[in-house]
């Protein structure tokens, strides 16, 4: 497995699948006005992935589900429930999100997947801590493809440019 930490836009990554940091999917998405990564996905992919996501029902904390990518050039979008009902992320939820997203990507045969920093925005997690947890959990995964963790912060990305496989 190759783990890369890159600076940039999640939606511009040369991967087969991206991960959307989502919620438990209990409140209808159209009431939430998706922001951040979800808002960018909605703007560029269209409503299709969110309509599909809405029909899936509640997602357990740390769970992962796959939808089509709408107008985006990916084979799919994996939505992970990284925040609890109080809109907070935790180490447990972040690790489960990475583990379950990579298990789903492996099951579906994807060779590359890009993640945002799950729980570092709305979830209130410290970006450096979130990045360390995500790298640690990705290293423990059985996923054999490329994992990209995409950050906007150049300084943070520079400190973790390439991560050797465990």
Foldseek 3Di string as FASTA:
>chain_A
DWEFEAEDQQLPDPFQEEEAQDAQLAPQPVVVCDDDNRNVQCVQQPCQQSVVSNVVHTAPQLAWDWDASRNRPHRIYIYHHQAYPVQAGDLVSLLSVLQNVLVVCVVVPTQEYEYELHCVPSNVDDSLVSVVSNVVSNLVHPRDHYYYYYYNDPVSSVVPGTDDRD
